[in-house]
Amino acid sequence: MSTSWTVDDHLRDKPAANVVMFHRFVELVGDCGPFEFSPSKSTVTFKGVRRGFAGARPTAAGLTVYLDLQRELADDPRVGSVSPYTSRLFVHHLRLTSLDQFDAELAGWIREAYAVGAGEHLG
């Protein structure tokens, strides 16, 4: 029997503040345009018209996020690691621990990732 994961599975039994951060992340993605959720055991992936571009998962310590961007971000305490994903993309792993980290800069990174989901990196 295969287990199908849902967004609710990822939110269940997590601290309320971290669930609020997840919903704020969803809001910022939604501000960019339409997307689909693609939950798996490890994370909730956000998919654009061409591909997945971001993921988020509430944990006991905060919100773990990844963003696929066309560039490496400058030093920021929210960014835990950056790795080449393809010849044109870098995957950024972020740890968010409070709502005050959801600033205009993070919203801009999400917009950049959304453009990757639309296939902008292929042009």
PDB file of N, CA and C in Angstrom:
ATOM      1  N   MET A   1       0.840  -1.186   0.000  1.00  0.00           N
ATOM      2  CA  MET A   1       0.000   0.000   0.000  1.00  0.00           C
ATOM      3  C   MET A   1       0.887   1.253   0.000  1.00  0.00           C
ATOM      4  N   SER A   2       0.667   2.148  -0.921  1.00  0.00           N
ATOM      5  CA  SER A   2       1.470   3.366  -0.968  1.00  0.00           C
ATOM      6  C   SER A   2       0.789   4.455  -0.143  1.00  0.00           C
ATOM      7  N   THR A   3       1.613   5.262   0.499  1.00  0.00           N
ATOM      8  CA  THR A   3       1.101   6.353   1.310  1.00  0.00           C
ATOM      9  C   THR A   3       1.141   7.633   0.491  1.00  0.00           C
ATOM     10  N   SER A   4       0.007   8.298   0.428  1.00  0.00           N
ATOM     11  CA  SER A   4      -0.069   9.575  -0.269  1.00  0.00           C
ATOM     12  C   SER A   4      -0.018  10.679   0.781  1.00  0.00           C
ATOM     13  N   TRP A   5       0.917  11.596   0.623  1.00  0.00           N
ATOM     14  CA  TRP A   5       1.086  12.688   1.583  1.00  0.00           C
ATOM     15  C   TRP A   5       0.245  13.881   1.181  1.00  0.00           C
ATOM     16  N   THR A   6      -0.197  14.623   2.184  1.00  0.00           N
ATOM     17  CA  THR A   6      -0.993  15.826   1.957  1.00  0.00           C
ATOM     18  C   THR A   6      -0.336  17.001   2.678  1.00  0.00           C
ATOM     19  N   VAL A   7      -0.778  18.204   2.335  1.00  0.00           N
ATOM     20  CA  VAL A   7      -0.311  19.392   3.051  1.00  0.00           C
ATOM     21  C   VAL A   7      -0.672  19.257   4.529  1.00  0.00           C
ATOM     22  N   ASP A   8      -1.886  18.807   4.813  1.00  0.00           N
ATOM     23  CA  ASP A   8      -2.324  18.655   6.205  1.00  0.00           C
ATOM     24  C   ASP A   8      -1.421  17.704   6.994  1.00  0.00           C
ATOM     25  N   ASP A   9      -0.904  16.668   6.339  1.00  0.00           N
ATOM     26  CA  ASP A   9       0.030  15.758   7.026  1.00  0.00           C
ATOM     27  C   ASP A   9       1.254  16.516   7.521  1.00  0.00           C
ATOM     28  N   HIS A  10       1.732  17.458   6.743  1.00  0.00           N
ATOM     29  CA  HIS A  10       2.921  18.233   7.122  1.00  0.00           C
ATOM     30  C   HIS A  10       2.625  19.245   8.231  1.00  0.00           C
ATOM     31  N   LEU A  11       1.382  19.673   8.332  1.00  0.00           N
ATOM     32  CA  LEU A  11       1.012  20.677   9.329  1.00  0.00           C
ATOM     33  C   LEU A  11       0.620  20.058  10.669  1.00  0.00           C
ATOM     34  N   ARG A  12       0.209  18.803  10.622  1.00  0.00           N
ATOM     35  CA  ARG A  12      -0.293  18.133  11.819  1.00  0.00           C
ATOM     36  C   ARG A  12       0.768  18.088  12.918  1.00  0.00           C
ATOM     37  N   ASP A  13       0.350  18.446  14.121  1.00  0.00           N
ATOM     38  CA  ASP A  13       1.192  18.356  15.325  1.00  0.00           C
ATOM     39  C   ASP A  13       2.418  19.267  15.308  1.00  0.00           C
ATOM     40  N   LYS A  14       2.425  20.269  14.459  1.00  0.00           N
ATOM     41  CA  LYS A  14       3.527  21.239  14.448  1.00  0.00           C
ATOM     42  C   LYS A  14       3.133  22.434  15.310  1.00  0.00           C
ATOM     43  N   PRO A  15       4.118  23.132  15.861  1.00  0.00           N
ATOM     44  CA  PRO A  15       3.784  24.327  16.651  1.00  0.00           C
ATOM     45  C   PRO A  15       2.974  25.323  15.819  1.00  0.00           C
ATOM     46  N   ALA A  16       1.970  25.917  16.456  1.00  0.00           N
ATOM     47  CA  ALA A  16       1.058  26.835  15.756  1.00  0.00           C
ATOM     48  C   ALA A  16       1.808  27.953  15.034  1.00  0.00           C
ATOM     49  N   ALA A  17       2.837  28.508  15.653  1.00  0.00           N
ATOM     50  CA  ALA A  17       3.586  29.609  15.035  1.00  0.00           C
ATOM     51  C   ALA A  17       4.254  29.149  13.735  1.00  0.00           C
ATOM     52  N   ASN A  18       4.677  27.901  13.674  1.00  0.00           N
ATOM     53  CA  ASN A  18       5.353  27.398  12.472  1.00  0.00           C
ATOM     54  C   ASN A  18       4.353  27.090  11.368  1.00  0.00           C
ATOM     55  N   VAL A  19       3.142  26.702  11.750  1.00  0.00           N
ATOM     56  CA  VAL A  19       2.073  26.521  10.773  1.00  0.00           C
ATOM     57  C   VAL A  19       1.688  27.884  10.189  1.00  0.00           C
ATOM     58  N   VAL A  20       1.653  28.917  11.020  1.00  0.00           N
ATOM     59  CA  VAL A  20       1.373  30.282  10.545  1.00  0.00           C
ATOM     60  C   VAL A  20       2.447  30.693   9.530  1.00  0.00           C
ATOM     61  N   MET A  21       3.711  30.380   9.813  1.00  0.00           N
ATOM     62  CA  MET A  21       4.781  30.719   8.863  1.00  0.00           C
ATOM     63  C   MET A  21       4.584  29.978   7.549  1.00  0.00           C
ATOM     64  N   PHE A  22       4.166  28.718   7.592  1.00  0.00           N
ATOM     65  CA  PHE A  22       3.899  27.969   6.366  1.00  0.00           C
ATOM     66  C   PHE A  22       2.821  28.683   5.554  1.00  0.00           C
ATOM     67  N   HIS A  23       1.737  29.068   6.212  1.00  0.00           N
ATOM     68  CA  HIS A  23       0.649  29.745   5.496  1.00  0.00           C
ATOM     69  C   HIS A  23       1.106  31.096   4.938  1.00  0.00           C
ATOM     70  N   ARG A  24       1.977  31.790   5.629  1.00  0.00           N
ATOM     71  CA  ARG A  24       2.522  33.056   5.114  1.00  0.00           C
ATOM     72  C   ARG A  24       3.359  32.789   3.870  1.00  0.00           C
ATOM     73  N   PHE A  25       4.157  31.708   3.882  1.00  0.00           N
ATOM     74  CA  PHE A  25       4.943  31.337   2.706  1.00  0.00           C
ATOM     75  C   PHE A  25       4.003  31.054   1.525  1.00  0.00           C
ATOM     76  N   VAL A  26       2.933  30.304   1.778  1.00  0.00           N
ATOM     77  CA  VAL A  26       1.950  30.010   0.731  1.00  0.00           C
ATOM     78  C   VAL A  26       1.372  31.311   0.172  1.00  0.00           C
ATOM     79  N   GLU A  27       1.074  32.268   1.053  1.00  0.00           N
ATOM     80  CA  GLU A  27       0.560  33.577   0.622  1.00  0.00           C
ATOM     81  C   GLU A  27       1.530  34.270  -0.329  1.00  0.00           C
ATOM     82  N   LEU A  28       2.816  34.263   0.033  1.00  0.00           N
ATOM     83  CA  LEU A  28       3.821  34.930  -0.806  1.00  0.00           C
ATOM     84  C   LEU A  28       3.957  34.240  -2.155  1.00  0.00           C
ATOM     85  N   VAL A  29       3.877  32.919  -2.174  1.00  0.00           N
ATOM     86  CA  VAL A  29       3.904  32.197  -3.453  1.00  0.00           C
ATOM     87  C   VAL A  29       2.662  32.567  -4.261  1.00  0.00           C
ATOM     88  N   GLY A  30       1.508  32.570  -3.611  1.00  0.00           N
ATOM     89  CA  GLY A  30       0.260  32.899  -4.301  1.00  0.00           C
ATOM     90  C   GLY A  30       0.236  34.306  -4.859  1.00  0.00           C
ATOM     91  N   ASP A  31       0.951  35.223  -4.220  1.00  0.00           N
ATOM     92  CA  ASP A  31       1.048  36.591  -4.741  1.00  0.00           C
ATOM     93  C   ASP A  31       1.734  36.623  -6.107  1.00  0.00           C
ATOM     94  N   CYS A  32       2.513  35.599  -6.423  1.00  0.00           N
ATOM     95  CA  CYS A  32       3.236  35.543  -7.701  1.00  0.00           C
ATOM     96  C   CYS A  32       2.344  35.062  -8.839  1.00  0.00           C
ATOM     97  N   GLY A  33       1.317  34.271  -8.511  1.00  0.00           N
ATOM     98  CA  GLY A  33       0.445  33.712  -9.539  1.00  0.00           C
ATOM     99  C   GLY A  33       0.015  32.313  -9.173  1.00  0.00           C
ATOM    100  N   PRO A  34      -0.639  31.623 -10.118  1.00  0.00           N
ATOM    101  CA  PRO A  34      -1.137  30.279  -9.829  1.00  0.00           C
ATOM    102  C   PRO A  34       0.001  29.272  -9.645  1.00  0.00           C
ATOM    103  N   PHE A  35      -0.262  28.279  -8.808  1.00  0.00           N
ATOM    104  CA  PHE A  35       0.704  27.211  -8.562  1.00  0.00           C
ATOM    105  C   PHE A  35      -0.066  25.991  -8.093  1.00  0.00           C
ATOM    106  N   GLU A  36       0.625  24.862  -8.038  1.00  0.00           N
ATOM    107  CA  GLU A  36       0.049  23.635  -7.501  1.00  0.00           C
ATOM    108  C   GLU A  36       0.908  23.144  -6.359  1.00  0.00           C
ATOM    109  N   PHE A  37       0.266  22.523  -5.373  1.00  0.00           N
ATOM    110  CA  PHE A  37       0.985  21.828  -4.311  1.00  0.00           C
ATOM    111  C   PHE A  37       1.326  20.435  -4.810  1.00  0.00           C
ATOM    112  N   SER A  38       2.507  19.953  -4.430  1.00  0.00           N
ATOM    113  CA  SER A  38       2.894  18.573  -4.704  1.00  0.00           C
ATOM    114  C   SER A  38       3.545  18.018  -3.440  1.00  0.00           C
ATOM    115  N   PRO A  39       2.726  17.583  -2.480  1.00  0.00           N
ATOM    116  CA  PRO A  39       3.282  17.083  -1.220  1.00  0.00           C
ATOM    117  C   PRO A  39       3.938  15.715  -1.388  1.00  0.00           C
ATOM    118  N   SER A  40       5.055  15.533  -0.711  1.00  0.00           N
ATOM    119  CA  SER A  40       5.719  14.236  -0.630  1.00  0.00           C
ATOM    120  C   SER A  40       6.060  14.003   0.837  1.00  0.00           C
ATOM    121  N   LYS A  41       6.681  12.905   1.118  1.00  0.00           N
ATOM    122  CA  LYS A  41       7.019  12.596   2.512  1.00  0.00           C
ATOM    123  C   LYS A  41       7.944  13.649   3.115  1.00  0.00           C
ATOM    124  N   SER A  42       8.869  14.188   2.316  1.00  0.00           N
ATOM    125  CA  SER A  42       9.890  15.084   2.857  1.00  0.00           C
ATOM    126  C   SER A  42       9.497  16.556   2.879  1.00  0.00           C
ATOM    127  N   THR A  43       8.639  17.001   1.956  1.00  0.00           N
ATOM    128  CA  THR A  43       8.316  18.429   1.877  1.00  0.00           C
ATOM    129  C   THR A  43       7.061  18.655   1.053  1.00  0.00           C
ATOM    130  N   VAL A  44       6.575  19.883   1.074  1.00  0.00           N
ATOM    131  CA  VAL A  44       5.495  20.304   0.180  1.00  0.00           C
ATOM    132  C   VAL A  44       6.157  21.125  -0.920  1.00  0.00           C
ATOM    133  N   THR A  45       6.154  20.599  -2.133  1.00  0.00           N
ATOM    134  CA  THR A  45       6.736  21.304  -3.265  1.00  0.00           C
ATOM    135  C   THR A  45       5.673  22.184  -3.914  1.00  0.00           C
ATOM    136  N   PHE A  46       6.116  23.355  -4.367  1.00  0.00           N
ATOM    137  CA  PHE A  46       5.268  24.291  -5.082  1.00  0.00           C
ATOM    138  C   PHE A  46       5.659  24.213  -6.550  1.00  0.00           C
ATOM    139  N   LYS A  47       4.684  23.923  -7.420  1.00  0.00           N
ATOM    140  CA  LYS A  47       4.959  23.740  -8.845  1.00  0.00           C
ATOM    141  C   LYS A  47       4.339  24.854  -9.663  1.00  0.00           C
ATOM    142  N   GLY A  48       5.135  25.356 -10.616  1.00  0.00           N
ATOM    143  CA  GLY A  48       4.650  26.316 -11.594  1.00  0.00           C
ATOM    144  C   GLY A  48       4.214  25.578 -12.844  1.00  0.00           C
ATOM    145  N   VAL A  49       4.032  26.319 -13.924  1.00  0.00           N
ATOM    146  CA  VAL A  49       3.553  25.703 -15.159  1.00  0.00           C
ATOM    147  C   VAL A  49       4.588  24.771 -15.794  1.00  0.00           C
ATOM    148  N   ARG A  50       5.863  24.979 -15.496  1.00  0.00           N
ATOM    149  CA  ARG A  50       6.921  24.147 -16.086  1.00  0.00           C
ATOM    150  C   ARG A  50       7.546  23.158 -15.108  1.00  0.00           C
ATOM    151  N   ARG A  51       7.687  23.553 -13.829  1.00  0.00           N
ATOM    152  CA  ARG A  51       8.414  22.695 -12.889  1.00  0.00           C
ATOM    153  C   ARG A  51       8.214  23.184 -11.459  1.00  0.00           C
ATOM    154  N   GLY A  52       8.666  22.351 -10.528  1.00  0.00           N
ATOM    155  CA  GLY A  52       8.702  22.763  -9.135  1.00  0.00           C
ATOM    156  C   GLY A  52       9.761  23.835  -8.959  1.00  0.00           C
ATOM    157  N   PHE A  53       9.505  24.766  -8.061  1.00  0.00           N
ATOM    158  CA  PHE A  53      10.439  25.882  -7.881  1.00  0.00           C
ATOM    159  C   PHE A  53      10.742  26.179  -6.420  1.00  0.00           C
ATOM    160  N   ALA A  54       9.947  25.632  -5.507  1.00  0.00           N
ATOM    161  CA  ALA A  54      10.129  25.908  -4.082  1.00  0.00           C
ATOM    162  C   ALA A  54       9.531  24.764  -3.284  1.00  0.00           C
ATOM    163  N   GLY A  55       9.919  24.714  -2.027  1.00  0.00           N
ATOM    164  CA  GLY A  55       9.332  23.742  -1.113  1.00  0.00           C
ATOM    165  C   GLY A  55       9.349  24.302   0.291  1.00  0.00           C
ATOM    166  N   ALA A  56       8.431  23.825   1.120  1.00  0.00           N
ATOM    167  CA  ALA A  56       8.367  24.286   2.503  1.00  0.00           C
ATOM    168  C   ALA A  56       7.824  23.166   3.380  1.00  0.00           C
ATOM    169  N   ARG A  57       8.330  23.136   4.613  1.00  0.00           N
ATOM    170  CA  ARG A  57       7.889  22.128   5.570  1.00  0.00           C
ATOM    171  C   ARG A  57       8.039  22.681   6.975  1.00  0.00           C
ATOM    172  N   PRO A  58       6.934  22.787   7.714  1.00  0.00           N
ATOM    173  CA  PRO A  58       7.065  23.209   9.107  1.00  0.00           C
ATOM    174  C   PRO A  58       7.729  22.095   9.921  1.00  0.00           C
ATOM    175  N   THR A  59       8.578  22.497  10.841  1.00  0.00           N
ATOM    176  CA  THR A  59       9.253  21.563  11.735  1.00  0.00           C
ATOM    177  C   THR A  59       9.020  22.038  13.168  1.00  0.00           C
ATOM    178  N   ALA A  60       9.579  21.335  14.111  1.00  0.00           N
ATOM    179  CA  ALA A  60       9.468  21.763  15.506  1.00  0.00           C
ATOM    180  C   ALA A  60      10.207  23.074  15.737  1.00  0.00           C
ATOM    181  N   ALA A  61      11.234  23.362  14.899  1.00  0.00           N
ATOM    182  CA  ALA A  61      12.092  24.532  15.106  1.00  0.00           C
ATOM    183  C   ALA A  61      11.748  25.729  14.224  1.00  0.00           C
ATOM    184  N   GLY A  62      10.856  25.575  13.263  1.00  0.00           N
ATOM    185  CA  GLY A  62      10.544  26.678  12.367  1.00  0.00           C
ATOM    186  C   GLY A  62       9.989  26.179  11.051  1.00  0.00           C
ATOM    187  N   LEU A  63      10.400  26.824   9.979  1.00  0.00           N
ATOM    188  CA  LEU A  63       9.981  26.449   8.634  1.00  0.00           C
ATOM    189  C   LEU A  63      11.232  26.203   7.797  1.00  0.00           C
ATOM    190  N   THR A  64      11.339  25.002   7.261  1.00  0.00           N
ATOM    191  CA  THR A  64      12.426  24.667   6.355  1.00  0.00           C
ATOM    192  C   THR A  64      11.931  24.909   4.939  1.00  0.00           C
ATOM    193  N   VAL A  65      12.714  25.650   4.162  1.00  0.00           N
ATOM    194  CA  VAL A  65      12.306  26.079   2.824  1.00  0.00           C
ATOM    195  C   VAL A  65      13.431  25.802   1.842  1.00  0.00           C
ATOM    196  N   TYR A  66      13.055  25.482   0.598  1.00  0.00           N
ATOM    197  CA  TYR A  66      14.048  25.536  -0.475  1.00  0.00           C
ATOM    198  C   TYR A  66      13.498  26.373  -1.610  1.00  0.00           C
ATOM    199  N   LEU A  67      14.404  27.052  -2.300  1.00  0.00           N
ATOM    200  CA  LEU A  67      14.077  27.873  -3.464  1.00  0.00           C
ATOM    201  C   LEU A  67      15.068  27.557  -4.572  1.00  0.00           C
ATOM    202  N   ASP A  68      14.580  27.342  -5.781  1.00  0.00           N
ATOM    203  CA  ASP A  68      15.442  27.178  -6.952  1.00  0.00           C
ATOM    204  C   ASP A  68      15.592  28.534  -7.625  1.00  0.00           C
ATOM    205  N   LEU A  69      16.819  29.039  -7.654  1.00  0.00           N
ATOM    206  CA  LEU A  69      17.090  30.358  -8.221  1.00  0.00           C
ATOM    207  C   LEU A  69      18.155  30.260  -9.301  1.00  0.00           C
ATOM    208  N   GLN A  70      18.183  31.269 -10.176  1.00  0.00           N
ATOM    209  CA  GLN A  70      19.171  31.311 -11.255  1.00  0.00           C
ATOM    210  C   GLN A  70      20.502  31.909 -10.821  1.00  0.00           C
ATOM    211  N   ARG A  71      20.622  32.256  -9.564  1.00  0.00           N
ATOM    212  CA  ARG A  71      21.859  32.855  -9.051  1.00  0.00           C
ATOM    213  C   ARG A  71      22.072  32.386  -7.622  1.00  0.00           C
ATOM    214  N   GLU A  72      23.278  32.551  -7.139  1.00  0.00           N
ATOM    215  CA  GLU A  72      23.571  32.268  -5.743  1.00  0.00           C
ATOM    216  C   GLU A  72      23.310  33.531  -4.936  1.00  0.00           C
ATOM    217  N   LEU A  73      22.584  33.393  -3.853  1.00  0.00           N
ATOM    218  CA  LEU A  73      22.293  34.547  -3.004  1.00  0.00           C
ATOM    219  C   LEU A  73      23.529  34.953  -2.217  1.00  0.00           C
ATOM    220  N   ALA A  74      23.606  36.234  -1.963  1.00  0.00           N
ATOM    221  CA  ALA A  74      24.666  36.758  -1.103  1.00  0.00           C
ATOM    222  C   ALA A  74      24.425  36.249   0.315  1.00  0.00           C
ATOM    223  N   ASP A  75      25.402  36.432   1.155  1.00  0.00           N
ATOM    224  CA  ASP A  75      25.284  35.964   2.537  1.00  0.00           C
ATOM    225  C   ASP A  75      24.030  36.515   3.196  1.00  0.00           C
ATOM    226  N   ASP A  76      23.258  35.619   3.780  1.00  0.00           N
ATOM    227  CA  ASP A  76      22.068  35.985   4.534  1.00  0.00           C
ATOM    228  C   ASP A  76      21.907  34.915   5.604  1.00  0.00           C
ATOM    229  N   PRO A  77      21.666  35.302   6.842  1.00  0.00           N
ATOM    230  CA  PRO A  77      21.586  34.306   7.909  1.00  0.00           C
ATOM    231  C   PRO A  77      20.464  33.288   7.724  1.00  0.00           C
ATOM    232  N   ARG A  78      19.472  33.599   6.892  1.00  0.00           N
ATOM    233  CA  ARG A  78      18.391  32.643   6.643  1.00  0.00           C
ATOM    234  C   ARG A  78      18.818  31.502   5.739  1.00  0.00           C
ATOM    235  N   VAL A  79      19.862  31.739   4.926  1.00  0.00           N
ATOM    236  CA  VAL A  79      20.303  30.742   3.947  1.00  0.00           C
ATOM    237  C   VAL A  79      21.311  29.811   4.608  1.00  0.00           C
ATOM    238  N   GLY A  80      20.931  28.544   4.706  1.00  0.00           N
ATOM    239  CA  GLY A  80      21.814  27.561   5.323  1.00  0.00           C
ATOM    240  C   GLY A  80      22.814  26.984   4.348  1.00  0.00           C
ATOM    241  N   SER A  81      22.367  26.738   3.103  1.00  0.00           N
ATOM    242  CA  SER A  81      23.271  26.191   2.098  1.00  0.00           C
ATOM    243  C   SER A  81      22.769  26.542   0.706  1.00  0.00           C
ATOM    244  N   VAL A  82      23.709  26.556  -0.237  1.00  0.00           N
ATOM    245  CA  VAL A  82      23.423  26.785  -1.647  1.00  0.00           C
ATOM    246  C   VAL A  82      24.204  25.743  -2.427  1.00  0.00           C
ATOM    247  N   SER A  83      23.513  25.047  -3.337  1.00  0.00           N
ATOM    248  CA  SER A  83      24.170  24.014  -4.142  1.00  0.00           C
ATOM    249  C   SER A  83      23.742  24.147  -5.590  1.00  0.00           C
ATOM    250  N   PRO A  84      24.679  23.898  -6.530  1.00  0.00           N
ATOM    251  CA  PRO A  84      24.262  23.854  -7.935  1.00  0.00           C
ATOM    252  C   PRO A  84      23.252  22.718  -8.106  1.00  0.00           C
ATOM    253  N   TYR A  85      22.181  22.990  -8.832  1.00  0.00           N
ATOM    254  CA  TYR A  85      21.153  21.981  -9.073  1.00  0.00           C
ATOM    255  C   TYR A  85      21.242  21.498 -10.518  1.00  0.00           C
ATOM    256  N   THR A  86      21.373  22.458 -11.430  1.00  0.00           N
ATOM    257  CA  THR A  86      21.640  22.189 -12.843  1.00  0.00           C
ATOM    258  C   THR A  86      22.687  23.219 -13.256  1.00  0.00           C
ATOM    259  N   SER A  87      23.008  23.262 -14.535  1.00  0.00           N
ATOM    260  CA  SER A  87      23.990  24.249 -14.991  1.00  0.00           C
ATOM    261  C   SER A  87      23.447  25.675 -14.870  1.00  0.00           C
ATOM    262  N   ARG A  88      22.131  25.834 -14.744  1.00  0.00           N
ATOM    263  CA  ARG A  88      21.522  27.166 -14.688  1.00  0.00           C
ATOM    264  C   ARG A  88      20.855  27.484 -13.360  1.00  0.00           C
ATOM    265  N   LEU A  89      20.741  26.499 -12.465  1.00  0.00           N
ATOM    266  CA  LEU A  89      19.970  26.703 -11.239  1.00  0.00           C
ATOM    267  C   LEU A  89      20.763  26.338  -9.988  1.00  0.00           C
ATOM    268  N   PHE A  90      20.457  27.057  -8.922  1.00  0.00           N
ATOM    269  CA  PHE A  90      21.037  26.793  -7.599  1.00  0.00           C
ATOM    270  C   PHE A  90      19.893  26.561  -6.627  1.00  0.00           C
ATOM    271  N   VAL A  91      19.991  25.507  -5.846  1.00  0.00           N
ATOM    272  CA  VAL A  91      18.987  25.270  -4.819  1.00  0.00           C
ATOM    273  C   VAL A  91      19.491  25.868  -3.512  1.00  0.00           C
ATOM    274  N   HIS A  92      18.626  26.669  -2.898  1.00  0.00           N
ATOM    275  CA  HIS A  92      18.936  27.369  -1.650  1.00  0.00           C
ATOM    276  C   HIS A  92      18.090  26.780  -0.544  1.00  0.00           C
ATOM    277  N   HIS A  93      18.704  26.355   0.543  1.00  0.00           N
ATOM    278  CA  HIS A  93      17.989  25.840   1.704  1.00  0.00           C
ATOM    279  C   HIS A  93      17.978  26.923   2.773  1.00  0.00           C
ATOM    280  N   LEU A  94      16.782  27.261   3.226  1.00  0.00           N
ATOM    281  CA  LEU A  94      16.606  28.322   4.222  1.00  0.00           C
ATOM    282  C   LEU A  94      15.938  27.751   5.466  1.00  0.00           C
ATOM    283  N   ARG A  95      16.267  28.343   6.593  1.00  0.00           N
ATOM    284  CA  ARG A  95      15.591  28.031   7.859  1.00  0.00           C
ATOM    285  C   ARG A  95      14.977  29.328   8.357  1.00  0.00           C
ATOM    286  N   LEU A  96      13.661  29.344   8.451  1.00  0.00           N
ATOM    287  CA  LEU A  96      12.939  30.517   8.923  1.00  0.00           C
ATOM    288  C   LEU A  96      12.392  30.199  10.312  1.00  0.00           C
ATOM    289  N   THR A  97      12.622  31.115  11.251  1.00  0.00           N
ATOM    290  CA  THR A  97      12.246  30.847  12.643  1.00  0.00           C
ATOM    291  C   THR A  97      11.265  31.859  13.215  1.00  0.00           C
ATOM    292  N   SER A  98      10.957  32.929  12.464  1.00  0.00           N
ATOM    293  CA  SER A  98       9.974  33.907  12.952  1.00  0.00           C
ATOM    294  C   SER A  98       9.371  34.664  11.776  1.00  0.00           C
ATOM    295  N   LEU A  99       8.169  35.170  11.990  1.00  0.00           N
ATOM    296  CA  LEU A  99       7.473  35.901  10.922  1.00  0.00           C
ATOM    297  C   LEU A  99       8.210  37.156  10.488  1.00  0.00           C
ATOM    298  N   ASP A 100       9.039  37.748  11.361  1.00  0.00           N
ATOM    299  CA  ASP A 100       9.744  38.964  10.947  1.00  0.00           C
ATOM    300  C   ASP A 100      10.804  38.684   9.880  1.00  0.00           C
ATOM    301  N   GLN A 101      11.097  37.416   9.614  1.00  0.00           N
ATOM    302  CA  GLN A 101      12.019  37.066   8.529  1.00  0.00           C
ATOM    303  C   GLN A 101      11.327  37.072   7.170  1.00  0.00           C
ATOM    304  N   PHE A 102      10.005  37.221   7.167  1.00  0.00           N
ATOM    305  CA  PHE A 102       9.226  37.252   5.932  1.00  0.00           C
ATOM    306  C   PHE A 102       9.154  38.688   5.431  1.00  0.00           C
ATOM    307  N   ASP A 103      10.266  39.156   4.900  1.00  0.00           N
ATOM    308  CA  ASP A 103      10.383  40.548   4.479  1.00  0.00           C
ATOM    309  C   ASP A 103      10.332  40.669   2.956  1.00  0.00           C
ATOM    310  N   ALA A 104      10.526  41.879   2.468  1.00  0.00           N
ATOM    311  CA  ALA A 104      10.485  42.135   1.026  1.00  0.00           C
ATOM    312  C   ALA A 104      11.573  41.366   0.286  1.00  0.00           C
ATOM    313  N   GLU A 105      12.714  41.175   0.936  1.00  0.00           N
ATOM    314  CA  GLU A 105      13.791  40.426   0.286  1.00  0.00           C
ATOM    315  C   GLU A 105      13.383  38.967   0.062  1.00  0.00           C
ATOM    316  N   LEU A 106      12.800  38.330   1.079  1.00  0.00           N
ATOM    317  CA  LEU A 106      12.329  36.954   0.915  1.00  0.00           C
ATOM    318  C   LEU A 106      11.245  36.889  -0.160  1.00  0.00           C
ATOM    319  N   ALA A 107      10.332  37.847  -0.162  1.00  0.00           N
ATOM    320  CA  ALA A 107       9.288  37.880  -1.193  1.00  0.00           C
ATOM    321  C   ALA A 107       9.904  37.979  -2.588  1.00  0.00           C
ATOM    322  N   GLY A 108      10.985  38.746  -2.719  1.00  0.00           N
ATOM    323  CA  GLY A 108      11.680  38.858  -4.005  1.00  0.00           C
ATOM    324  C   GLY A 108      12.313  37.545  -4.425  1.00  0.00           C
ATOM    325  N   TRP A 109      12.910  36.842  -3.487  1.00  0.00           N
ATOM    326  CA  TRP A 109      13.498  35.530  -3.802  1.00  0.00           C
ATOM    327  C   TRP A 109      12.416  34.557  -4.258  1.00  0.00           C
ATOM    328  N   ILE A 110      11.263  34.611  -3.603  1.00  0.00           N
ATOM    329  CA  ILE A 110      10.154  33.737  -3.996  1.00  0.00           C
ATOM    330  C   ILE A 110       9.691  34.086  -5.406  1.00  0.00           C
ATOM    331  N   ARG A 111       9.635  35.377  -5.745  1.00  0.00           N
ATOM    332  CA  ARG A 111       9.265  35.776  -7.119  1.00  0.00           C
ATOM    333  C   ARG A 111      10.274  35.239  -8.124  1.00  0.00           C
ATOM    334  N   GLU A 112      11.567  35.303  -7.786  1.00  0.00           N
ATOM    335  CA  GLU A 112      12.599  34.755  -8.676  1.00  0.00           C
ATOM    336  C   GLU A 112      12.402  33.248  -8.862  1.00  0.00           C
ATOM    337  N   ALA A 113      12.121  32.556  -7.773  1.00  0.00           N
ATOM    338  CA  ALA A 113      11.900  31.112  -7.855  1.00  0.00           C
ATOM    339  C   ALA A 113      10.647  30.805  -8.681  1.00  0.00           C
ATOM    340  N   TYR A 114       9.615  31.604  -8.505  1.00  0.00           N
ATOM    341  CA  TYR A 114       8.378  31.416  -9.273  1.00  0.00           C
ATOM    342  C   TYR A 114       8.665  31.518 -10.774  1.00  0.00           C
ATOM    343  N   ALA A 115       9.519  32.456 -11.149  1.00  0.00           N
ATOM    344  CA  ALA A 115       9.891  32.603 -12.564  1.00  0.00           C
ATOM    345  C   ALA A 115      10.591  31.340 -13.067  1.00  0.00           C
ATOM    346  N   VAL A 116      11.382  30.702 -12.218  1.00  0.00           N
ATOM    347  CA  VAL A 116      12.005  29.425 -12.580  1.00  0.00           C
ATOM    348  C   VAL A 116      10.903  28.389 -12.820  1.00  0.00           C
ATOM    349  N   GLY A 117       9.888  28.368 -11.961  1.00  0.00           N
ATOM    350  CA  GLY A 117       8.779  27.443 -12.128  1.00  0.00           C
ATOM    351  C   GLY A 117       8.035  27.641 -13.434  1.00  0.00           C
ATOM    352  N   ALA A 118       8.089  28.865 -13.958  1.00  0.00           N
ATOM    353  CA  ALA A 118       7.467  29.182 -15.239  1.00  0.00           C
ATOM    354  C   ALA A 118       8.389  28.883 -16.427  1.00  0.00           C
ATOM    355  N   GLY A 119       9.625  28.462 -16.139  1.00  0.00           N
ATOM    356  CA  GLY A 119      10.562  28.118 -17.194  1.00  0.00           C
ATOM    357  C   GLY A 119      11.447  29.245 -17.671  1.00  0.00           C
ATOM    358  N   GLU A 120      11.489  30.356 -16.932  1.00  0.00           N
ATOM    359  CA  GLU A 120      12.281  31.507 -17.356  1.00  0.00           C
ATOM    360  C   GLU A 120      13.769  31.152 -17.537  1.00  0.00           C
ATOM    361  N   HIS A 121      14.250  30.216 -16.749  1.00  0.00           N
ATOM    362  CA  HIS A 121      15.665  29.820 -16.821  1.00  0.00           C
ATOM    363  C   HIS A 121      16.007  29.103 -18.119  1.00  0.00           C
ATOM    364  N   LEU A 122      15.006  28.726 -18.892  1.00  0.00           N
ATOM    365  CA  LEU A 122      15.246  27.998 -20.140  1.00  0.00           C
ATOM    366  C   LEU A 122      15.454  28.918 -21.326  1.00  0.00           C
ATOM    367  N   GLY A 123      15.173  30.223 -21.153  1.00  0.00           N
ATOM    368  CA  GLY A 123      15.238  31.165 -22.267  1.00  0.00           C
ATOM    369  C   GLY A 123      16.604  31.636 -22.597  1.00  0.00           C
TER     370      GLY A 123
END
